[in-house]
Amino acid sequence: MIKRLPHALRGLPGYVGASLIGDGRMALIVDVDGLRSSDH
C-alpha cells in the first residue's frame, strides 16, 4: 500500500510516497526518474 508522505516530509525532492513495511516501519518511495532528470 502506498500512502502520501507525512506533512513534514512533503516537498522533499525525489520522494513520491511512503509504504508501511511488514514490521510497521515506513519506507520512503524514491522517484528514480525524477532524480535522474533533476539538475542536482
PDB file of N, CA and C in Angstrom:
ATOM      1  N   MET A   1       0.838  -1.162   0.000  1.00  0.00           N
ATOM      2  CA  MET A   1       0.000   0.000   0.000  1.00  0.00           C
ATOM      3  C   MET A   1       0.891   1.236   0.000  1.00  0.00           C
ATOM      4  N   ILE A   2       0.633   2.140  -0.920  1.00  0.00           N
ATOM      5  CA  ILE A   2       1.379   3.394  -0.987  1.00  0.00           C
ATOM      6  C   ILE A   2       0.532   4.496  -0.371  1.00  0.00           C
ATOM      7  N   LYS A   3       1.162   5.284   0.491  1.00  0.00           N
ATOM      8  CA  LYS A   3       0.472   6.390   1.156  1.00  0.00           C
ATOM      9  C   LYS A   3       1.178   7.693   0.826  1.00  0.00           C
ATOM     10  N   ARG A   4       0.452   8.784   1.002  1.00  0.00           N
ATOM     11  CA  ARG A   4       1.077  10.097   0.844  1.00  0.00           C
ATOM     12  C   ARG A   4       2.143  10.273   1.914  1.00  0.00           C
ATOM     13  N   LEU A   5       3.114  11.102   1.605  1.00  0.00           N
ATOM     14  CA  LEU A   5       4.144  11.409   2.597  1.00  0.00           C
ATOM     15  C   LEU A   5       3.528  12.182   3.757  1.00  0.00           C
ATOM     16  N   PRO A   6       4.048  11.994   4.956  1.00  0.00           N
ATOM     17  CA  PRO A   6       3.598  12.813   6.080  1.00  0.00           C
ATOM     18  C   PRO A   6       3.840  14.292   5.766  1.00  0.00           C
ATOM     19  N   HIS A   7       3.039  15.149   6.340  1.00  0.00           N
ATOM     20  CA  HIS A   7       3.102  16.585   6.046  1.00  0.00           C
ATOM     21  C   HIS A   7       4.523  17.140   6.183  1.00  0.00           C
ATOM     22  N   ALA A   8       5.245  16.727   7.194  1.00  0.00           N
ATOM     23  CA  ALA A   8       6.598  17.249   7.429  1.00  0.00           C
ATOM     24  C   ALA A   8       7.572  16.868   6.312  1.00  0.00           C
ATOM     25  N   LEU A   9       7.271  15.812   5.548  1.00  0.00           N
ATOM     26  CA  LEU A   9       8.186  15.349   4.505  1.00  0.00           C
ATOM     27  C   LEU A   9       7.742  15.728   3.100  1.00  0.00           C
ATOM     28  N   ARG A  10       6.559  16.284   2.959  1.00  0.00           N
ATOM     29  CA  ARG A  10       6.079  16.676   1.629  1.00  0.00           C
ATOM     30  C   ARG A  10       6.963  17.781   1.082  1.00  0.00           C
ATOM     31  N   GLY A  11       7.184  17.739  -0.193  1.00  0.00           N
ATOM     32  CA  GLY A  11       8.017  18.758  -0.823  1.00  0.00           C
ATOM     33  C   GLY A  11       9.479  18.367  -0.909  1.00  0.00           C
ATOM     34  N   LEU A  12       9.860  17.256  -0.287  1.00  0.00           N
ATOM     35  CA  LEU A  12      11.242  16.799  -0.431  1.00  0.00           C
ATOM     36  C   LEU A  12      11.446  16.310  -1.855  1.00  0.00           C
ATOM     37  N   PRO A  13      12.457  16.784  -2.539  1.00  0.00           N
ATOM     38  CA  PRO A  13      12.682  16.325  -3.908  1.00  0.00           C
ATOM     39  C   PRO A  13      13.101  14.864  -3.937  1.00  0.00           C
ATOM     40  N   GLY A  14      12.577  14.134  -4.910  1.00  0.00           N
ATOM     41  CA  GLY A  14      12.993  12.756  -5.103  1.00  0.00           C
ATOM     42  C   GLY A  14      12.142  11.705  -4.429  1.00  0.00           C
ATOM     43  N   TYR A  15      11.158  12.097  -3.638  1.00  0.00           N
ATOM     44  CA  TYR A  15      10.299  11.131  -2.959  1.00  0.00           C
ATOM     45  C   TYR A  15       8.865  11.316  -3.421  1.00  0.00           C
ATOM     46  N   VAL A  16       8.182  10.203  -3.705  1.00  0.00           N
ATOM     47  CA  VAL A  16       6.815  10.287  -4.218  1.00  0.00           C
ATOM     48  C   VAL A  16       5.772   9.747  -3.252  1.00  0.00           C
ATOM     49  N   GLY A  17       6.182   9.034  -2.241  1.00  0.00           N
ATOM     50  CA  GLY A  17       5.228   8.473  -1.294  1.00  0.00           C
ATOM     51  C   GLY A  17       5.931   7.641  -0.248  1.00  0.00           C
ATOM     52  N   ALA A  18       5.133   6.886   0.485  1.00  0.00           N
ATOM     53  CA  ALA A  18       5.663   6.032   1.538  1.00  0.00           C
ATOM     54  C   ALA A  18       4.837   4.757   1.596  1.00  0.00           C
ATOM     55  N   SER A  19       5.420   3.719   2.134  1.00  0.00           N
ATOM     56  CA  SER A  19       4.727   2.452   2.288  1.00  0.00           C
ATOM     57  C   SER A  19       5.050   1.886   3.658  1.00  0.00           C
ATOM     58  N   LEU A  20       4.061   1.278   4.279  1.00  0.00           N
ATOM     59  CA  LEU A  20       4.314   0.604   5.548  1.00  0.00           C
ATOM     60  C   LEU A  20       4.820  -0.791   5.243  1.00  0.00           C
ATOM     61  N   ILE A  21       5.953  -1.153   5.843  1.00  0.00           N
ATOM     62  CA  ILE A  21       6.505  -2.487   5.622  1.00  0.00           C
ATOM     63  C   ILE A  21       6.038  -3.420   6.737  1.00  0.00           C
ATOM     64  N   GLY A  22       6.329  -4.681   6.619  1.00  0.00           N
ATOM     65  CA  GLY A  22       5.789  -5.710   7.492  1.00  0.00           C
ATOM     66  C   GLY A  22       5.929  -5.478   8.981  1.00  0.00           C
ATOM     67  N   ASP A  23       6.998  -4.845   9.410  1.00  0.00           N
ATOM     68  CA  ASP A  23       7.199  -4.640  10.847  1.00  0.00           C
ATOM     69  C   ASP A  23       6.617  -3.313  11.336  1.00  0.00           C
ATOM     70  N   GLY A  24       5.878  -2.601  10.462  1.00  0.00           N
ATOM     71  CA  GLY A  24       5.219  -1.368  10.862  1.00  0.00           C
ATOM     72  C   GLY A  24       5.995  -0.097  10.584  1.00  0.00           C
ATOM     73  N   ARG A  25       7.233  -0.225  10.143  1.00  0.00           N
ATOM     74  CA  ARG A  25       8.020   0.970   9.827  1.00  0.00           C
ATOM     75  C   ARG A  25       7.617   1.528   8.467  1.00  0.00           C
ATOM     76  N   MET A  26       7.942   2.793   8.246  1.00  0.00           N
ATOM     77  CA  MET A  26       7.637   3.442   6.987  1.00  0.00           C
ATOM     78  C   MET A  26       8.864   3.405   6.086  1.00  0.00           C
ATOM     79  N   ALA A  27       8.653   3.045   4.828  1.00  0.00           N
ATOM     80  CA  ALA A  27       9.718   3.075   3.830  1.00  0.00           C
ATOM     81  C   ALA A  27       9.371   4.145   2.807  1.00  0.00           C
ATOM     82  N   LEU A  28      10.301   5.045   2.537  1.00  0.00           N
ATOM     83  CA  LEU A  28      10.069   6.091   1.549  1.00  0.00           C
ATOM     84  C   LEU A  28      10.224   5.524   0.146  1.00  0.00           C
ATOM     85  N   ILE A  29       9.396   5.986  -0.769  1.00  0.00           N
ATOM     86  CA  ILE A  29       9.441   5.546  -2.161  1.00  0.00           C
ATOM     87  C   ILE A  29      10.131   6.636  -2.970  1.00  0.00           C
ATOM     88  N   VAL A  30      11.223   6.254  -3.609  1.00  0.00           N
ATOM     89  CA  VAL A  30      12.070   7.192  -4.345  1.00  0.00           C
ATOM     90  C   VAL A  30      11.584   7.307  -5.789  1.00  0.00           C
ATOM     91  N   ASP A  31      11.572   8.522  -6.308  1.00  0.00           N
ATOM     92  CA  ASP A  31      11.239   8.793  -7.705  1.00  0.00           C
ATOM     93  C   ASP A  31      12.542   8.770  -8.505  1.00  0.00           C
ATOM     94  N   VAL A  32      12.925   7.592  -8.974  1.00  0.00           N
ATOM     95  CA  VAL A  32      14.211   7.422  -9.652  1.00  0.00           C
ATOM     96  C   VAL A  32      14.268   8.257 -10.927  1.00  0.00           C
ATOM     97  N   ASP A  33      13.213   8.228 -11.733  1.00  0.00           N
ATOM     98  CA  ASP A  33      13.209   9.013 -12.967  1.00  0.00           C
ATOM     99  C   ASP A  33      13.320  10.505 -12.671  1.00  0.00           C
ATOM    100  N   GLY A  34      12.645  10.957 -11.634  1.00  0.00           N
ATOM    101  CA  GLY A  34      12.721  12.360 -11.250  1.00  0.00           C
ATOM    102  C   GLY A  34      14.117  12.755 -10.814  1.00  0.00           C
ATOM    103  N   LEU A  35      14.793  11.868 -10.092  1.00  0.00           N
ATOM    104  CA  LEU A  35      16.159  12.159  -9.662  1.00  0.00           C
ATOM    105  C   LEU A  35      17.115  12.197 -10.844  1.00  0.00           C
ATOM    106  N   ARG A  36      16.903  11.309 -11.798  1.00  0.00           N
ATOM    107  CA  ARG A  36      17.761  11.286 -12.983  1.00  0.00           C
ATOM    108  C   ARG A  36      17.648  12.570 -13.793  1.00  0.00           C
ATOM    109  N   SER A  37      16.434  13.095 -13.883  1.00  0.00           N
ATOM    110  CA  SER A  37      16.216  14.266 -14.732  1.00  0.00           C
ATOM    111  C   SER A  37      16.421  15.589 -14.004  1.00  0.00           C
ATOM    112  N   SER A  38      16.706  15.536 -12.706  1.00  0.00           N
ATOM    113  CA  SER A  38      16.898  16.784 -11.960  1.00  0.00           C
ATOM    114  C   SER A  38      18.283  17.364 -12.238  1.00  0.00           C
ATOM    115  N   ASP A  39      18.448  18.607 -11.887  1.00  0.00           N
ATOM    116  CA  ASP A  39      19.732  19.291 -12.095  1.00  0.00           C
ATOM    117  C   ASP A  39      20.703  19.092 -10.946  1.00  0.00           C
ATOM    118  N   HIS A  40      20.409  18.239 -10.008  1.00  0.00           N
ATOM    119  CA  HIS A  40      21.255  18.047  -8.822  1.00  0.00           C
ATOM    120  C   HIS A  40      22.345  17.058  -9.096  1.00  0.00           C
TER     121      HIS A  40
END
